[in-house]
Amino acid sequence: MKQVNHDQRSRLPKGIASQKAVPMRLSDEERERLESLAAKECRSVSSMARLVHLRGMEAIASE
């Protein structure tokens, strides 16, 4: 019996390049808030940071 090779799927949304990461420094309090939000929505911390960034960009653009 042979195992079937599956293509590895990326967890990134389509069109997002993993090589172009943007490091972001957060205070301990900011990191804890981000981790708490991520846990509430069952997301990774990175995914939650991206979502917060996108929502913030929308808010800034609408000013």
PDB file of N, CA and C in Angstrom:
ATOM      1  N   MET A   1       0.843  -1.180   0.000  1.00  0.00           N
ATOM      2  CA  MET A   1       0.000   0.000   0.000  1.00  0.00           C
ATOM      3  C   MET A   1       0.888   1.244   0.000  1.00  0.00           C
ATOM      4  N   LYS A   2       0.630   2.145  -0.906  1.00  0.00           N
ATOM      5  CA  LYS A   2       1.427   3.365  -1.009  1.00  0.00           C
ATOM      6  C   LYS A   2       0.657   4.540  -0.427  1.00  0.00           C
ATOM      7  N   GLN A   3       1.420   5.459   0.158  1.00  0.00           N
ATOM      8  CA  GLN A   3       0.798   6.674   0.669  1.00  0.00           C
ATOM      9  C   GLN A   3       0.611   7.665  -0.463  1.00  0.00           C
ATOM     10  N   VAL A   4      -0.453   8.411  -0.386  1.00  0.00           N
ATOM     11  CA  VAL A   4      -0.729   9.437  -1.379  1.00  0.00           C
ATOM     12  C   VAL A   4      -0.010  10.708  -0.953  1.00  0.00           C
ATOM     13  N   ASN A   5       0.739  11.299  -1.869  1.00  0.00           N
ATOM     14  CA  ASN A   5       1.396  12.572  -1.573  1.00  0.00           C
ATOM     15  C   ASN A   5       0.390  13.696  -1.756  1.00  0.00           C
ATOM     16  N   HIS A   6       0.233  14.489  -0.724  1.00  0.00           N
ATOM     17  CA  HIS A   6      -0.670  15.635  -0.783  1.00  0.00           C
ATOM     18  C   HIS A   6       0.150  16.903  -0.941  1.00  0.00           C
ATOM     19  N   ASP A   7      -0.358  17.824  -1.734  1.00  0.00           N
ATOM     20  CA  ASP A   7       0.300  19.119  -1.849  1.00  0.00           C
ATOM     21  C   ASP A   7       0.124  19.861  -0.535  1.00  0.00           C
ATOM     22  N   GLN A   8       1.206  20.503  -0.093  1.00  0.00           N
ATOM     23  CA  GLN A   8       1.106  21.278   1.135  1.00  0.00           C
ATOM     24  C   GLN A   8       0.355  22.566   0.845  1.00  0.00           C
ATOM     25  N   ARG A   9      -0.634  22.848   1.662  1.00  0.00           N
ATOM     26  CA  ARG A   9      -1.430  24.053   1.482  1.00  0.00           C
ATOM     27  C   ARG A   9      -0.904  25.163   2.376  1.00  0.00           C
ATOM     28  N   SER A  10      -0.913  26.356   1.863  1.00  0.00           N
ATOM     29  CA  SER A  10      -0.494  27.514   2.637  1.00  0.00           C
ATOM     30  C   SER A  10      -1.667  27.999   3.471  1.00  0.00           C
ATOM     31  N   ARG A  11      -1.368  28.516   4.650  1.00  0.00           N
ATOM     32  CA  ARG A  11      -2.412  29.087   5.493  1.00  0.00           C
ATOM     33  C   ARG A  11      -2.616  30.562   5.186  1.00  0.00           C
ATOM     34  N   LEU A  12      -1.803  31.090   4.277  1.00  0.00           N
ATOM     35  CA  LEU A  12      -1.923  32.495   3.903  1.00  0.00           C
ATOM     36  C   LEU A  12      -3.035  32.675   2.874  1.00  0.00           C
ATOM     37  N   PRO A  13      -3.714  33.824   2.917  1.00  0.00           N
ATOM     38  CA  PRO A  13      -4.695  34.103   1.864  1.00  0.00           C
ATOM     39  C   PRO A  13      -3.992  34.168   0.512  1.00  0.00           C
ATOM     40  N   LYS A  14      -4.721  33.885  -0.564  1.00  0.00           N
ATOM     41  CA  LYS A  14      -4.130  33.928  -1.909  1.00  0.00           C
ATOM     42  C   LYS A  14      -3.554  35.318  -2.183  1.00  0.00           C
ATOM     43  N   GLY A  15      -2.392  35.336  -2.803  1.00  0.00           N
ATOM     44  CA  GLY A  15      -1.766  36.603  -3.163  1.00  0.00           C
ATOM     45  C   GLY A  15      -0.883  37.198  -2.084  1.00  0.00           C
ATOM     46  N   ILE A  16      -0.781  36.551  -0.934  1.00  0.00           N
ATOM     47  CA  ILE A  16       0.043  37.063   0.155  1.00  0.00           C
ATOM     48  C   ILE A  16       1.393  36.362   0.095  1.00  0.00           C
ATOM     49  N   ALA A  17       2.460  37.137   0.000  1.00  0.00           N
ATOM     50  CA  ALA A  17       3.802  36.566  -0.097  1.00  0.00           C
ATOM     51  C   ALA A  17       4.391  36.379   1.298  1.00  0.00           C
ATOM     52  N   SER A  18       4.762  35.158   1.621  1.00  0.00           N
ATOM     53  CA  SER A  18       5.311  34.882   2.949  1.00  0.00           C
ATOM     54  C   SER A  18       6.727  35.429   3.104  1.00  0.00           C
ATOM     55  N   GLN A  19       7.392  35.743   1.999  1.00  0.00           N
ATOM     56  CA  GLN A  19       8.750  36.263   2.081  1.00  0.00           C
ATOM     57  C   GLN A  19       8.781  37.753   2.396  1.00  0.00           C
ATOM     58  N   LYS A  20       7.645  38.401   2.396  1.00  0.00           N
ATOM     59  CA  LYS A  20       7.612  39.846   2.614  1.00  0.00           C
ATOM     60  C   LYS A  20       6.973  40.179   3.960  1.00  0.00           C
ATOM     61  N   ALA A  21       7.390  39.479   4.992  1.00  0.00           N
ATOM     62  CA  ALA A  21       6.853  39.713   6.331  1.00  0.00           C
ATOM     63  C   ALA A  21       7.264  41.097   6.833  1.00  0.00           C
ATOM     64  N   VAL A  22       6.405  41.708   7.636  1.00  0.00           N
ATOM     65  CA  VAL A  22       6.683  43.011   8.231  1.00  0.00           C
ATOM     66  C   VAL A  22       6.758  42.831   9.740  1.00  0.00           C
ATOM     67  N   PRO A  23       7.963  42.907  10.310  1.00  0.00           N
ATOM     68  CA  PRO A  23       8.076  42.777  11.771  1.00  0.00           C
ATOM     69  C   PRO A  23       7.427  43.979  12.456  1.00  0.00           C
ATOM     70  N   MET A  24       6.810  43.744  13.586  1.00  0.00           N
ATOM     71  CA  MET A  24       6.140  44.816  14.309  1.00  0.00           C
ATOM     72  C   MET A  24       6.449  44.661  15.794  1.00  0.00           C
ATOM     73  N   ARG A  25       6.930  45.712  16.405  1.00  0.00           N
ATOM     74  CA  ARG A  25       7.246  45.671  17.829  1.00  0.00           C
ATOM     75  C   ARG A  25       6.021  46.110  18.622  1.00  0.00           C
ATOM     76  N   LEU A  26       5.672  45.317  19.613  1.00  0.00           N
ATOM     77  CA  LEU A  26       4.540  45.618  20.484  1.00  0.00           C
ATOM     78  C   LEU A  26       5.013  45.606  21.931  1.00  0.00           C
ATOM     79  N   SER A  27       4.372  46.430  22.749  1.00  0.00           N
ATOM     80  CA  SER A  27       4.658  46.377  24.182  1.00  0.00           C
ATOM     81  C   SER A  27       4.060  45.081  24.726  1.00  0.00           C
ATOM     82  N   ASP A  28       4.429  44.718  25.938  1.00  0.00           N
ATOM     83  CA  ASP A  28       3.877  43.506  26.547  1.00  0.00           C
ATOM     84  C   ASP A  28       2.358  43.584  26.628  1.00  0.00           C
ATOM     85  N   GLU A  29       1.843  44.760  26.995  1.00  0.00           N
ATOM     86  CA  GLU A  29       0.388  44.944  27.108  1.00  0.00           C
ATOM     87  C   GLU A  29      -0.286  44.806  25.748  1.00  0.00           C
ATOM     88  N   GLU A  30       0.299  45.403  24.712  1.00  0.00           N
ATOM     89  CA  GLU A  30      -0.271  45.300  23.364  1.00  0.00           C
ATOM     90  C   GLU A  30      -0.261  43.855  22.876  1.00  0.00           C
ATOM     91  N   ARG A  31       0.828  43.147  23.154  1.00  0.00           N
ATOM     92  CA  ARG A  31       0.932  41.731  22.748  1.00  0.00           C
ATOM     93  C   ARG A  31      -0.135  40.897  23.450  1.00  0.00           C
ATOM     94  N   GLU A  32      -0.338  41.148  24.750  1.00  0.00           N
ATOM     95  CA  GLU A  32      -1.358  40.410  25.505  1.00  0.00           C
ATOM     96  C   GLU A  32      -2.750  40.670  24.945  1.00  0.00           C
ATOM     97  N   ARG A  33      -3.034  41.923  24.591  1.00  0.00           N
ATOM     98  CA  ARG A  33      -4.342  42.257  24.008  1.00  0.00           C
ATOM     99  C   ARG A  33      -4.532  41.551  22.668  1.00  0.00           C
ATOM    100  N   LEU A  34      -3.479  41.540  21.855  1.00  0.00           N
ATOM    101  CA  LEU A  34      -3.537  40.867  20.558  1.00  0.00           C
ATOM    102  C   LEU A  34      -3.753  39.368  20.734  1.00  0.00           C
ATOM    103  N   GLU A  35      -3.032  38.760  21.662  1.00  0.00           N
ATOM    104  CA  GLU A  35      -3.186  37.324  21.923  1.00  0.00           C
ATOM    105  C   GLU A  35      -4.591  37.007  22.422  1.00  0.00           C
ATOM    106  N   SER A  36      -5.142  37.891  23.255  1.00  0.00           N
ATOM    107  CA  SER A  36      -6.497  37.691  23.772  1.00  0.00           C
ATOM    108  C   SER A  36      -7.526  37.747  22.639  1.00  0.00           C
ATOM    109  N   LEU A  37      -7.389  38.738  21.762  1.00  0.00           N
ATOM    110  CA  LEU A  37      -8.297  38.845  20.608  1.00  0.00           C
ATOM    111  C   LEU A  37      -8.183  37.619  19.716  1.00  0.00           C
ATOM    112  N   ALA A  38      -6.956  37.179  19.478  1.00  0.00           N
ATOM    113  CA  ALA A  38      -6.732  36.008  18.623  1.00  0.00           C
ATOM    114  C   ALA A  38      -7.385  34.769  19.225  1.00  0.00           C
ATOM    115  N   ALA A  39      -7.245  34.594  20.521  1.00  0.00           N
ATOM    116  CA  ALA A  39      -7.832  33.428  21.189  1.00  0.00           C
ATOM    117  C   ALA A  39      -9.357  33.455  21.101  1.00  0.00           C
ATOM    118  N   LYS A  40      -9.957  34.638  21.265  1.00  0.00           N
ATOM    119  CA  LYS A  40     -11.419  34.759  21.193  1.00  0.00           C
ATOM    120  C   LYS A  40     -11.956  34.358  19.827  1.00  0.00           C
ATOM    121  N   GLU A  41     -11.184  34.647  18.774  1.00  0.00           N
ATOM    122  CA  GLU A  41     -11.632  34.357  17.407  1.00  0.00           C
ATOM    123  C   GLU A  41     -11.003  33.088  16.835  1.00  0.00           C
ATOM    124  N   CYS A  42     -10.308  32.333  17.686  1.00  0.00           N
ATOM    125  CA  CYS A  42      -9.643  31.086  17.267  1.00  0.00           C
ATOM    126  C   CYS A  42      -8.727  31.321  16.066  1.00  0.00           C
ATOM    127  N   ARG A  43      -7.937  32.370  16.129  1.00  0.00           N
ATOM    128  CA  ARG A  43      -6.986  32.715  15.077  1.00  0.00           C
ATOM    129  C   ARG A  43      -5.573  32.653  15.631  1.00  0.00           C
ATOM    130  N   SER A  44      -4.604  32.597  14.740  1.00  0.00           N
ATOM    131  CA  SER A  44      -3.216  32.730  15.172  1.00  0.00           C
ATOM    132  C   SER A  44      -2.967  34.206  15.484  1.00  0.00           C
ATOM    133  N   VAL A  45      -1.921  34.463  16.238  1.00  0.00           N
ATOM    134  CA  VAL A  45      -1.579  35.848  16.567  1.00  0.00           C
ATOM    135  C   VAL A  45      -1.234  36.607  15.286  1.00  0.00           C
ATOM    136  N   SER A  46      -0.530  35.969  14.368  1.00  0.00           N
ATOM    137  CA  SER A  46      -0.168  36.615  13.098  1.00  0.00           C
ATOM    138  C   SER A  46      -1.402  36.966  12.275  1.00  0.00           C
ATOM    139  N   SER A  47      -2.343  36.045  12.217  1.00  0.00           N
ATOM    140  CA  SER A  47      -3.574  36.284  11.475  1.00  0.00           C
ATOM    141  C   SER A  47      -4.360  37.439  12.093  1.00  0.00           C
ATOM    142  N   MET A  48      -4.407  37.478  13.417  1.00  0.00           N
ATOM    143  CA  MET A  48      -5.129  38.547  14.101  1.00  0.00           C
ATOM    144  C   MET A  48      -4.439  39.883  13.880  1.00  0.00           C
ATOM    145  N   ALA A  49      -3.101  39.903  13.914  1.00  0.00           N
ATOM    146  CA  ALA A  49      -2.355  41.144  13.679  1.00  0.00           C
ATOM    147  C   ALA A  49      -2.651  41.683  12.281  1.00  0.00           C
ATOM    148  N   ARG A  50      -2.721  40.786  11.294  1.00  0.00           N
ATOM    149  CA  ARG A  50      -3.030  41.207   9.921  1.00  0.00           C
ATOM    150  C   ARG A  50      -4.435  41.780   9.833  1.00  0.00           C
ATOM    151  N   LEU A  51      -5.383  41.134  10.489  1.00  0.00           N
ATOM    152  CA  LEU A  51      -6.760  41.608  10.478  1.00  0.00           C
ATOM    153  C   LEU A  51      -6.879  42.982  11.144  1.00  0.00           C
ATOM    154  N   VAL A  52      -6.224  43.159  12.278  1.00  0.00           N
ATOM    155  CA  VAL A  52      -6.235  44.455  12.970  1.00  0.00           C
ATOM    156  C   VAL A  52      -5.608  45.522  12.075  1.00  0.00           C
ATOM    157  N   HIS A  53      -4.515  45.181  11.415  1.00  0.00           N
ATOM    158  CA  HIS A  53      -3.860  46.116  10.496  1.00  0.00           C
ATOM    159  C   HIS A  53      -4.812  46.528   9.371  1.00  0.00           C
ATOM    160  N   LEU A  54      -5.466  45.555   8.748  1.00  0.00           N
ATOM    161  CA  LEU A  54      -6.375  45.857   7.639  1.00  0.00           C
ATOM    162  C   LEU A  54      -7.534  46.740   8.086  1.00  0.00           C
ATOM    163  N   ARG A  55      -8.089  46.454   9.247  1.00  0.00           N
ATOM    164  CA  ARG A  55      -9.194  47.281   9.755  1.00  0.00           C
ATOM    165  C   ARG A  55      -8.716  48.687  10.088  1.00  0.00           C
ATOM    166  N   GLY A  56      -7.510  48.788  10.625  1.00  0.00           N
ATOM    167  CA  GLY A  56      -6.937  50.105  10.918  1.00  0.00           C
ATOM    168  C   GLY A  56      -6.685  50.905   9.654  1.00  0.00           C
ATOM    169  N   MET A  57      -6.210  50.238   8.607  1.00  0.00           N
ATOM    170  CA  MET A  57      -5.973  50.918   7.332  1.00  0.00           C
ATOM    171  C   MET A  57      -7.277  51.449   6.755  1.00  0.00           C
ATOM    172  N   GLU A  58      -8.354  50.675   6.884  1.00  0.00           N
ATOM    173  CA  GLU A  58      -9.666  51.135   6.412  1.00  0.00           C
ATOM    174  C   GLU A  58     -10.106  52.373   7.181  1.00  0.00           C
ATOM    175  N   ALA A  59      -9.911  52.359   8.498  1.00  0.00           N
ATOM    176  CA  ALA A  59     -10.314  53.495   9.331  1.00  0.00           C
ATOM    177  C   ALA A  59      -9.519  54.748   8.967  1.00  0.00           C
ATOM    178  N   ILE A  60      -8.221  54.594   8.756  1.00  0.00           N
ATOM    179  CA  ILE A  60      -7.378  55.737   8.400  1.00  0.00           C
ATOM    180  C   ILE A  60      -7.757  56.273   7.022  1.00  0.00           C
ATOM    181  N   ALA A  61      -8.019  55.391   6.083  1.00  0.00           N
ATOM    182  CA  ALA A  61      -8.371  55.804   4.724  1.00  0.00           C
ATOM    183  C   ALA A  61      -9.705  56.546   4.683  1.00  0.00           C
ATOM    184  N   SER A  62     -10.598  56.230   5.601  1.00  0.00           N
ATOM    185  CA  SER A  62     -11.920  56.868   5.592  1.00  0.00           C
ATOM    186  C   SER A  62     -11.928  58.218   6.310  1.00  0.00           C
ATOM    187  N   GLU A  63     -10.820  58.596   6.911  1.00  0.00           N
ATOM    188  CA  GLU A  63     -10.750  59.901   7.608  1.00  0.00           C
ATOM    189  C   GLU A  63     -10.672  61.039   6.631  1.00  0.00           C
TER     190      GLU A  63
END
